[in-house]
Amino acid sequence: MKYLIIFFSAFLLVACKKDKETVSGTAPADSLSIVKDSAATDTSSGKILVGNIPFPKEIKECSCYFAVNKADFEAEKYIYADDAGKTAYMKLDGKRLAMNLISSSDMEVDEELTKEIENGDYKISVKGKKIKGEEALLFEGTLTIEKPDGTVFTTPIYGECGC
């Protein structure tokens, strides 16, 4: 009986050590995945995350809307939309925002398009050249987003303005 108790105790001791090794072996992997999955880390590290938005339901008539390229535009993967004069819509750092336009060029008169948007967290500049003018005017250009901490994000855009 003594040998059975000693054997059983030794077995438990070895089993407990294996569990401890397994737990300590997975701890670094767990801590790595926490950092990797943290959205706050990406935002605070100087990146601006720009997401796709569906065409805003708030826009009823004239509008401008842009995607990163022609393929995304045709697939309706917009990154920017506005109601041609008052409000711009974007998804930045995971949040859908409605922001007031500060200035906008007259899209029917000008060959170049410029828009300025600013809120407390972002300053956005849209610049484009007209590439085709029919019912709706097609534009190619760039969209630049700046944060107060100096982070800057620039992307090409392709899209249209019209009524």
N, C-alpha and C. Protein backbone atom coordinates (compact mmCIF):
# COMPACT_ATOMS: atom_id res chain seq x y z
N MET A 1 0.81 -1.18 0.00
CA MET A 1 0.00 0.00 0.00
C MET A 1 0.87 1.26 0.00
N LYS A 2 2.01 1.22 0.75
CA LYS A 2 2.91 2.38 0.78
C LYS A 2 3.40 2.70 -0.62
N TYR A 3 3.74 1.66 -1.36
CA TYR A 3 4.27 1.88 -2.70
C TYR A 3 3.22 2.49 -3.63
N LEU A 4 1.99 2.12 -3.43
CA LEU A 4 0.90 2.68 -4.23
C LEU A 4 0.73 4.16 -3.95
N ILE A 5 0.82 4.56 -2.70
CA ILE A 5 0.70 5.98 -2.33
C ILE A 5 1.90 6.76 -2.87
N ILE A 6 3.09 6.21 -2.75
CA ILE A 6 4.29 6.89 -3.27
C ILE A 6 4.20 7.02 -4.79
N PHE A 7 3.80 5.94 -5.45
CA PHE A 7 3.66 5.98 -6.91
C PHE A 7 2.61 7.01 -7.33
N PHE A 8 1.49 7.04 -6.67
CA PHE A 8 0.42 7.98 -7.00
C PHE A 8 0.86 9.43 -6.75
N SER A 9 1.58 9.67 -5.65
CA SER A 9 2.10 11.01 -5.34
C SER A 9 3.11 11.45 -6.39
N ALA A 10 3.99 10.55 -6.80
CA ALA A 10 4.98 10.88 -7.84
C ALA A 10 4.29 11.19 -9.16
N PHE A 11 3.26 10.42 -9.47
CA PHE A 11 2.49 10.63 -10.70
C PHE A 11 1.84 12.02 -10.70
N LEU A 12 1.23 12.42 -9.58
CA LEU A 12 0.61 13.74 -9.47
C LEU A 12 1.65 14.86 -9.56
N LEU A 13 2.80 14.64 -8.95
CA LEU A 13 3.86 15.63 -8.99
C LEU A 13 4.34 15.86 -10.43
N VAL A 14 4.53 14.80 -11.18
CA VAL A 14 4.96 14.91 -12.58
C VAL A 14 3.85 15.56 -13.41
N ALA A 15 2.61 15.18 -13.17
CA ALA A 15 1.48 15.74 -13.92
C ALA A 15 1.36 17.24 -13.65
N CYS A 16 1.55 17.67 -12.43
CA CYS A 16 1.46 19.10 -12.10
C CYS A 16 2.58 19.88 -12.78
N LYS A 17 3.78 19.31 -12.84
CA LYS A 17 4.88 20.00 -13.51
C LYS A 17 4.60 20.17 -14.98
N LYS A 18 4.01 19.18 -15.62
CA LYS A 18 3.69 19.29 -17.03
C LYS A 18 2.67 20.39 -17.27
N ASP A 19 1.65 20.50 -16.40
CA ASP A 19 0.66 21.56 -16.54
C ASP A 19 1.31 22.93 -16.41
N LYS A 20 2.22 23.08 -15.46
CA LYS A 20 2.90 24.36 -15.29
C LYS A 20 3.72 24.72 -16.51
N GLU A 21 4.41 23.75 -17.09
CA GLU A 21 5.21 24.01 -18.28
C GLU A 21 4.32 24.43 -19.44
N THR A 22 3.19 23.76 -19.58
CA THR A 22 2.26 24.08 -20.67
C THR A 22 1.72 25.49 -20.50
N VAL A 23 1.34 25.84 -19.30
CA VAL A 23 0.80 27.18 -19.05
C VAL A 23 1.86 28.24 -19.31
N SER A 24 3.08 28.04 -18.78
CA SER A 24 4.11 29.05 -18.99
C SER A 24 4.54 29.10 -20.45
N GLY A 25 4.42 28.01 -21.18
CA GLY A 25 4.78 28.00 -22.60
C GLY A 25 3.80 28.77 -23.46
N THR A 26 2.53 28.86 -23.03
CA THR A 26 1.54 29.58 -23.83
C THR A 26 1.42 31.04 -23.42
N ALA A 27 1.96 31.44 -22.30
CA ALA A 27 1.81 32.82 -21.84
C ALA A 27 2.36 33.84 -22.84
N PRO A 28 3.58 33.66 -23.39
CA PRO A 28 4.06 34.65 -24.35
C PRO A 28 3.16 34.75 -25.59
N ALA A 29 2.63 33.64 -26.05
CA ALA A 29 1.76 33.68 -27.23
C ALA A 29 0.50 34.47 -26.92
N ASP A 30 -0.06 34.29 -25.70
CA ASP A 30 -1.25 35.03 -25.33
C ASP A 30 -0.97 36.52 -25.28
N SER A 31 0.15 36.93 -24.70
CA SER A 31 0.44 38.35 -24.60
C SER A 31 0.71 38.95 -25.97
N LEU A 32 1.28 38.16 -26.89
CA LEU A 32 1.48 38.67 -28.24
C LEU A 32 0.17 38.89 -28.95
N SER A 33 -0.79 37.99 -28.77
CA SER A 33 -2.05 38.15 -29.47
C SER A 33 -2.84 39.33 -28.92
N ILE A 34 -2.67 39.66 -27.66
CA ILE A 34 -3.37 40.81 -27.10
C ILE A 34 -2.87 42.09 -27.76
N VAL A 35 -1.57 42.24 -27.89
CA VAL A 35 -1.02 43.43 -28.52
C VAL A 35 -1.42 43.48 -29.99
N LYS A 36 -1.37 42.34 -30.65
CA LYS A 36 -1.67 42.27 -32.08
C LYS A 36 -3.12 42.65 -32.37
N ASP A 37 -4.05 42.24 -31.50
CA ASP A 37 -5.46 42.48 -31.72
C ASP A 37 -5.93 43.84 -31.21
N SER A 38 -5.09 44.59 -30.57
CA SER A 38 -5.50 45.84 -29.94
C SER A 38 -5.64 46.96 -30.96
N ALA A 39 -6.86 47.45 -31.12
CA ALA A 39 -7.11 48.56 -32.05
C ALA A 39 -6.48 49.85 -31.52
N ALA A 40 -6.45 50.01 -30.20
CA ALA A 40 -5.88 51.22 -29.62
C ALA A 40 -4.40 51.33 -29.96
N THR A 41 -3.71 50.22 -30.03
CA THR A 41 -2.29 50.24 -30.37
C THR A 41 -2.08 50.77 -31.77
N ASP A 42 -2.88 50.31 -32.74
CA ASP A 42 -2.75 50.80 -34.11
C ASP A 42 -3.05 52.28 -34.21
N THR A 43 -4.10 52.75 -33.53
CA THR A 43 -4.49 54.14 -33.62
C THR A 43 -3.44 55.05 -32.98
N SER A 44 -2.90 54.65 -31.84
CA SER A 44 -1.96 55.50 -31.14
C SER A 44 -0.56 55.43 -31.74
N SER A 45 -0.31 54.48 -32.63
CA SER A 45 1.03 54.33 -33.19
C SER A 45 1.22 55.18 -34.45
N GLY A 46 0.31 56.10 -34.71
CA GLY A 46 0.48 57.01 -35.83
C GLY A 46 -0.18 56.56 -37.11
N LYS A 47 -1.10 55.62 -37.05
CA LYS A 47 -1.80 55.17 -38.24
C LYS A 47 -3.21 55.75 -38.24
N ILE A 48 -3.75 55.95 -39.43
CA ILE A 48 -5.14 56.34 -39.58
C ILE A 48 -5.81 55.23 -40.38
N LEU A 49 -6.80 54.60 -39.77
CA LEU A 49 -7.50 53.51 -40.43
C LEU A 49 -8.70 54.07 -41.19
N VAL A 50 -8.72 53.86 -42.50
CA VAL A 50 -9.81 54.35 -43.34
C VAL A 50 -10.62 53.14 -43.80
N GLY A 51 -11.92 53.17 -43.51
CA GLY A 51 -12.78 52.05 -43.86
C GLY A 51 -13.76 52.40 -44.97
N ASN A 52 -14.33 51.36 -45.57
CA ASN A 52 -15.34 51.54 -46.60
C ASN A 52 -16.68 51.88 -45.96
N ILE A 53 -17.46 52.68 -46.68
CA ILE A 53 -18.80 53.03 -46.22
C ILE A 53 -19.80 52.76 -47.34
N PRO A 54 -21.03 52.40 -47.00
CA PRO A 54 -22.07 52.34 -48.03
C PRO A 54 -22.46 53.78 -48.37
N PHE A 55 -23.12 53.96 -49.49
CA PHE A 55 -23.56 55.31 -49.85
C PHE A 55 -24.51 55.81 -48.76
N PRO A 56 -24.23 56.98 -48.16
CA PRO A 56 -25.02 57.46 -47.02
C PRO A 56 -26.49 57.72 -47.37
N LYS A 57 -27.37 57.22 -46.52
CA LYS A 57 -28.81 57.42 -46.71
C LYS A 57 -29.20 58.88 -46.52
N GLU A 58 -28.37 59.64 -45.80
CA GLU A 58 -28.65 61.05 -45.55
C GLU A 58 -28.56 61.89 -46.82
N ILE A 59 -27.83 61.43 -47.83
CA ILE A 59 -27.65 62.19 -49.07
C ILE A 59 -28.83 61.92 -49.98
N LYS A 60 -29.57 62.97 -50.32
CA LYS A 60 -30.79 62.82 -51.12
C LYS A 60 -30.64 63.29 -52.56
N GLU A 61 -29.79 64.28 -52.81
CA GLU A 61 -29.69 64.82 -54.17
C GLU A 61 -28.25 64.86 -54.66
N CYS A 62 -27.69 66.04 -54.83
CA CYS A 62 -26.34 66.19 -55.37
C CYS A 62 -25.31 65.59 -54.39
N SER A 63 -24.26 64.99 -54.95
CA SER A 63 -23.27 64.36 -54.09
C SER A 63 -21.95 64.16 -54.82
N CYS A 64 -20.92 63.92 -54.03
CA CYS A 64 -19.62 63.46 -54.51
C CYS A 64 -19.29 62.21 -53.70
N TYR A 65 -18.78 61.19 -54.35
CA TYR A 65 -18.39 59.98 -53.64
C TYR A 65 -17.21 59.35 -54.35
N PHE A 66 -16.27 58.86 -53.52
CA PHE A 66 -15.00 58.39 -54.03
C PHE A 66 -14.60 57.06 -53.40
N ALA A 67 -13.87 56.28 -54.18
CA ALA A 67 -13.23 55.05 -53.73
C ALA A 67 -11.74 55.20 -53.97
N VAL A 68 -10.96 54.20 -53.59
CA VAL A 68 -9.51 54.26 -53.76
C VAL A 68 -9.12 54.14 -55.24
N ASN A 69 -9.90 53.38 -56.02
CA ASN A 69 -9.59 53.20 -57.44
C ASN A 69 -10.88 52.89 -58.21
N LYS A 70 -10.76 52.75 -59.53
CA LYS A 70 -11.93 52.53 -60.37
C LYS A 70 -12.63 51.21 -60.04
N ALA A 71 -11.87 50.15 -59.79
CA ALA A 71 -12.46 48.85 -59.46
C ALA A 71 -13.28 48.92 -58.18
N ASP A 72 -12.73 49.55 -57.14
CA ASP A 72 -13.48 49.70 -55.89
C ASP A 72 -14.70 50.60 -56.09
N PHE A 73 -14.56 51.63 -56.92
CA PHE A 73 -15.69 52.52 -57.20
C PHE A 73 -16.82 51.74 -57.85
N GLU A 74 -16.49 50.93 -58.83
CA GLU A 74 -17.51 50.14 -59.52
C GLU A 74 -18.12 49.09 -58.59
N ALA A 75 -17.36 48.63 -57.59
CA ALA A 75 -17.87 47.68 -56.61
C ALA A 75 -18.56 48.39 -55.43
N GLU A 76 -18.69 49.71 -55.51
CA GLU A 76 -19.33 50.55 -54.49
C GLU A 76 -18.65 50.46 -53.12
N LYS A 77 -17.32 50.38 -53.14
CA LYS A 77 -16.52 50.37 -51.90
C LYS A 77 -15.99 51.79 -51.68
N TYR A 78 -16.88 52.67 -51.26
CA TYR A 78 -16.53 54.09 -51.11
C TYR A 78 -15.80 54.33 -49.79
N ILE A 79 -14.86 55.27 -49.83
CA ILE A 79 -14.19 55.69 -48.60
C ILE A 79 -14.60 57.10 -48.20
N TYR A 80 -15.29 57.80 -49.11
CA TYR A 80 -15.68 59.20 -48.87
C TYR A 80 -16.97 59.49 -49.63
N ALA A 81 -17.84 60.26 -49.01
CA ALA A 81 -19.04 60.75 -49.70
C ALA A 81 -19.42 62.09 -49.07
N ASP A 82 -19.98 63.00 -49.88
CA ASP A 82 -20.51 64.24 -49.33
C ASP A 82 -21.76 64.64 -50.10
N ASP A 83 -22.51 65.56 -49.53
CA ASP A 83 -23.74 66.00 -50.15
C ASP A 83 -23.53 67.27 -50.99
N ALA A 84 -22.36 67.39 -51.56
CA ALA A 84 -21.99 68.50 -52.46
C ALA A 84 -22.15 69.85 -51.79
N GLY A 85 -21.63 69.99 -50.59
CA GLY A 85 -21.62 71.33 -50.04
C GLY A 85 -21.71 71.47 -48.53
N LYS A 86 -22.31 70.51 -47.80
CA LYS A 86 -22.51 70.71 -46.37
C LYS A 86 -21.82 69.66 -45.50
N THR A 87 -22.07 68.39 -45.76
CA THR A 87 -21.61 67.33 -44.86
C THR A 87 -20.84 66.26 -45.62
N ALA A 88 -19.72 65.82 -45.05
CA ALA A 88 -18.91 64.74 -45.60
C ALA A 88 -19.01 63.54 -44.67
N TYR A 89 -18.97 62.34 -45.27
CA TYR A 89 -19.09 61.10 -44.51
C TYR A 89 -17.89 60.21 -44.79
N MET A 90 -17.28 59.69 -43.70
CA MET A 90 -16.16 58.77 -43.81
C MET A 90 -16.17 57.84 -42.61
N LYS A 91 -15.43 56.72 -42.73
CA LYS A 91 -15.20 55.83 -41.60
C LYS A 91 -13.71 55.89 -41.29
N LEU A 92 -13.39 56.52 -40.17
CA LEU A 92 -11.99 56.72 -39.78
C LEU A 92 -11.75 56.10 -38.41
N ASP A 93 -10.68 55.32 -38.31
CA ASP A 93 -10.30 54.65 -37.07
C ASP A 93 -11.48 53.89 -36.48
N GLY A 94 -12.27 53.25 -37.35
CA GLY A 94 -13.37 52.41 -36.91
C GLY A 94 -14.68 53.12 -36.62
N LYS A 95 -14.72 54.44 -36.77
CA LYS A 95 -15.94 55.20 -36.46
C LYS A 95 -16.48 55.88 -37.72
N ARG A 96 -17.80 55.74 -37.95
CA ARG A 96 -18.44 56.45 -39.06
C ARG A 96 -18.65 57.89 -38.60
N LEU A 97 -18.14 58.83 -39.38
CA LEU A 97 -18.21 60.24 -39.02
C LEU A 97 -19.00 61.04 -40.05
N ALA A 98 -19.76 62.00 -39.58
CA ALA A 98 -20.40 63.01 -40.42
C ALA A 98 -19.75 64.33 -40.04
N MET A 99 -19.04 64.96 -41.00
CA MET A 99 -18.25 66.15 -40.69
C MET A 99 -18.68 67.30 -41.60
N ASN A 100 -18.57 68.51 -41.08
CA ASN A 100 -18.94 69.69 -41.86
C ASN A 100 -17.85 70.05 -42.86
N LEU A 101 -18.27 70.31 -44.11
CA LEU A 101 -17.33 70.80 -45.12
C LEU A 101 -17.02 72.26 -44.81
N ILE A 102 -15.75 72.62 -44.85
CA ILE A 102 -15.34 74.00 -44.64
C ILE A 102 -15.39 74.75 -45.96
N SER A 103 -14.86 74.13 -47.02
CA SER A 103 -14.88 74.76 -48.34
C SER A 103 -14.96 73.69 -49.41
N SER A 104 -15.54 74.09 -50.54
CA SER A 104 -15.69 73.17 -51.66
C SER A 104 -15.72 73.98 -52.94
N SER A 105 -14.99 73.51 -53.96
CA SER A 105 -14.99 74.21 -55.25
C SER A 105 -16.28 73.92 -56.00
N ASP A 106 -16.61 74.79 -56.94
CA ASP A 106 -17.80 74.60 -57.78
C ASP A 106 -17.47 73.54 -58.82
N MET A 107 -18.04 72.36 -58.67
CA MET A 107 -17.66 71.23 -59.52
C MET A 107 -18.08 71.38 -60.97
N GLU A 108 -19.08 72.21 -61.28
CA GLU A 108 -19.52 72.35 -62.67
C GLU A 108 -18.66 73.34 -63.44
N VAL A 109 -18.08 74.30 -62.75
CA VAL A 109 -17.29 75.33 -63.41
C VAL A 109 -15.82 74.93 -63.51
N ASP A 110 -15.30 74.38 -62.44
CA ASP A 110 -13.86 74.10 -62.35
C ASP A 110 -13.49 72.76 -62.99
N GLU A 111 -12.28 72.71 -63.52
CA GLU A 111 -11.70 71.45 -63.99
C GLU A 111 -11.07 70.70 -62.82
N GLU A 112 -10.85 71.43 -61.73
CA GLU A 112 -10.24 70.84 -60.55
C GLU A 112 -11.23 70.88 -59.39
N LEU A 113 -11.17 69.86 -58.58
CA LEU A 113 -12.05 69.73 -57.43
C LEU A 113 -11.22 69.90 -56.16
N THR A 114 -11.67 70.72 -55.24
CA THR A 114 -11.02 70.84 -53.94
C THR A 114 -12.09 70.88 -52.86
N LYS A 115 -11.81 70.19 -51.78
CA LYS A 115 -12.72 70.18 -50.63
C LYS A 115 -11.87 70.17 -49.37
N GLU A 116 -12.31 70.89 -48.36
CA GLU A 116 -11.63 70.92 -47.07
C GLU A 116 -12.64 70.59 -45.99
N ILE A 117 -12.28 69.63 -45.14
CA ILE A 117 -13.12 69.20 -44.04
C ILE A 117 -12.27 69.22 -42.79
N GLU A 118 -12.86 69.65 -41.69
CA GLU A 118 -12.10 69.66 -40.45
C GLU A 118 -13.03 69.44 -39.27
N ASN A 119 -12.61 68.57 -38.34
CA ASN A 119 -13.27 68.47 -37.05
C ASN A 119 -12.16 68.42 -36.01
N GLY A 120 -12.48 68.15 -34.78
CA GLY A 120 -11.46 68.17 -33.73
C GLY A 120 -10.36 67.14 -33.90
N ASP A 121 -10.65 66.01 -34.55
CA ASP A 121 -9.69 64.92 -34.65
C ASP A 121 -8.99 64.82 -35.99
N TYR A 122 -9.56 65.38 -37.05
CA TYR A 122 -9.02 65.20 -38.40
C TYR A 122 -9.15 66.48 -39.23
N LYS A 123 -8.18 66.64 -40.12
CA LYS A 123 -8.25 67.67 -41.15
C LYS A 123 -8.11 66.92 -42.47
N ILE A 124 -9.11 67.05 -43.33
CA ILE A 124 -9.17 66.27 -44.56
C ILE A 124 -9.17 67.19 -45.76
N SER A 125 -8.37 66.83 -46.75
CA SER A 125 -8.27 67.59 -47.98
C SER A 125 -8.50 66.66 -49.16
N VAL A 126 -9.43 67.04 -50.04
CA VAL A 126 -9.72 66.28 -51.25
C VAL A 126 -9.33 67.14 -52.44
N LYS A 127 -8.50 66.59 -53.32
CA LYS A 127 -8.08 67.31 -54.53
C LYS A 127 -8.21 66.37 -55.70
N GLY A 128 -8.80 66.86 -56.79
CA GLY A 128 -8.97 66.01 -57.95
C GLY A 128 -9.06 66.79 -59.24
N LYS A 129 -8.83 66.09 -60.34
CA LYS A 129 -8.95 66.67 -61.68
C LYS A 129 -10.08 65.95 -62.41
N LYS A 130 -10.85 66.73 -63.15
CA LYS A 130 -11.93 66.14 -63.91
C LYS A 130 -11.34 65.31 -65.04
N ILE A 131 -11.80 64.05 -65.17
CA ILE A 131 -11.32 63.19 -66.24
C ILE A 131 -12.41 62.92 -67.27
N LYS A 132 -13.65 63.21 -66.90
CA LYS A 132 -14.75 62.99 -67.82
C LYS A 132 -15.94 63.80 -67.33
N GLY A 133 -16.63 64.46 -68.22
CA GLY A 133 -17.77 65.25 -67.82
C GLY A 133 -18.99 64.97 -68.66
N GLU A 134 -19.95 64.27 -68.09
CA GLU A 134 -21.23 64.02 -68.75
C GLU A 134 -22.31 64.46 -67.78
N GLU A 135 -23.29 63.58 -67.50
CA GLU A 135 -24.28 63.88 -66.47
C GLU A 135 -23.60 64.03 -65.12
N ALA A 136 -22.77 63.05 -64.80
CA ALA A 136 -21.95 63.11 -63.59
C ALA A 136 -20.52 63.36 -64.02
N LEU A 137 -19.78 64.09 -63.20
CA LEU A 137 -18.39 64.42 -63.50
C LEU A 137 -17.47 63.43 -62.80
N LEU A 138 -16.60 62.77 -63.57
CA LEU A 138 -15.64 61.82 -62.99
C LEU A 138 -14.36 62.55 -62.62
N PHE A 139 -13.81 62.18 -61.46
CA PHE A 139 -12.59 62.80 -60.96
C PHE A 139 -11.60 61.73 -60.51
N GLU A 140 -10.31 62.06 -60.67
CA GLU A 140 -9.20 61.30 -60.06
C GLU A 140 -8.38 62.29 -59.27
N GLY A 141 -7.86 61.84 -58.14
CA GLY A 141 -7.07 62.76 -57.33
C GLY A 141 -6.52 62.09 -56.10
N THR A 142 -6.40 62.88 -55.02
CA THR A 142 -5.89 62.38 -53.76
C THR A 142 -6.74 62.87 -52.60
N LEU A 143 -6.77 62.07 -51.57
CA LEU A 143 -7.43 62.43 -50.32
C LEU A 143 -6.36 62.36 -49.24
N THR A 144 -6.20 63.43 -48.49
CA THR A 144 -5.19 63.51 -47.44
C THR A 144 -5.88 63.75 -46.10
N ILE A 145 -5.49 62.96 -45.11
CA ILE A 145 -6.05 63.09 -43.76
C ILE A 145 -4.90 63.38 -42.81
N GLU A 146 -5.08 64.41 -41.96
CA GLU A 146 -4.07 64.76 -40.96
C GLU A 146 -4.70 64.72 -39.58
N LYS A 147 -3.93 64.24 -38.60
CA LYS A 147 -4.35 64.26 -37.21
C LYS A 147 -3.54 65.33 -36.48
N PRO A 148 -4.06 65.84 -35.36
CA PRO A 148 -3.32 66.86 -34.61
C PRO A 148 -1.93 66.43 -34.16
N ASP A 149 -1.70 65.10 -34.00
CA ASP A 149 -0.38 64.63 -33.58
C ASP A 149 0.64 64.59 -34.71
N GLY A 150 0.23 65.03 -35.91
CA GLY A 150 1.15 65.07 -37.05
C GLY A 150 1.05 63.87 -37.98
N THR A 151 0.25 62.88 -37.64
CA THR A 151 0.06 61.71 -38.50
C THR A 151 -0.64 62.13 -39.79
N VAL A 152 -0.11 61.68 -40.92
CA VAL A 152 -0.69 62.01 -42.22
C VAL A 152 -0.93 60.73 -43.00
N PHE A 153 -2.10 60.63 -43.62
CA PHE A 153 -2.46 59.50 -44.48
C PHE A 153 -2.92 60.07 -45.82
N THR A 154 -2.35 59.58 -46.92
CA THR A 154 -2.74 60.02 -48.25
C THR A 154 -3.06 58.81 -49.10
N THR A 155 -4.15 58.89 -49.87
CA THR A 155 -4.55 57.81 -50.75
C THR A 155 -5.07 58.37 -52.07
N PRO A 156 -4.87 57.65 -53.15
CA PRO A 156 -5.49 58.07 -54.40
C PRO A 156 -7.00 57.86 -54.30
N ILE A 157 -7.74 58.65 -55.07
CA ILE A 157 -9.20 58.49 -55.10
C ILE A 157 -9.70 58.51 -56.54
N TYR A 158 -10.84 57.87 -56.75
CA TYR A 158 -11.51 57.86 -58.04
C TYR A 158 -13.00 57.90 -57.74
N GLY A 159 -13.71 58.80 -58.39
CA GLY A 159 -15.14 58.87 -58.13
C GLY A 159 -15.84 59.93 -58.94
N GLU A 160 -17.06 60.24 -58.53
CA GLU A 160 -17.85 61.19 -59.29
C GLU A 160 -18.62 62.15 -58.42
N CYS A 161 -18.97 63.27 -59.05
CA CYS A 161 -19.82 64.27 -58.43
C CYS A 161 -20.95 64.54 -59.41
N GLY A 162 -22.14 64.70 -58.89
CA GLY A 162 -23.26 65.00 -59.76
C GLY A 162 -24.57 65.07 -59.02
N CYS A 163 -25.61 65.39 -59.77
CA CYS A 163 -26.95 65.49 -59.19
C CYS A 163 -27.88 64.49 -59.83
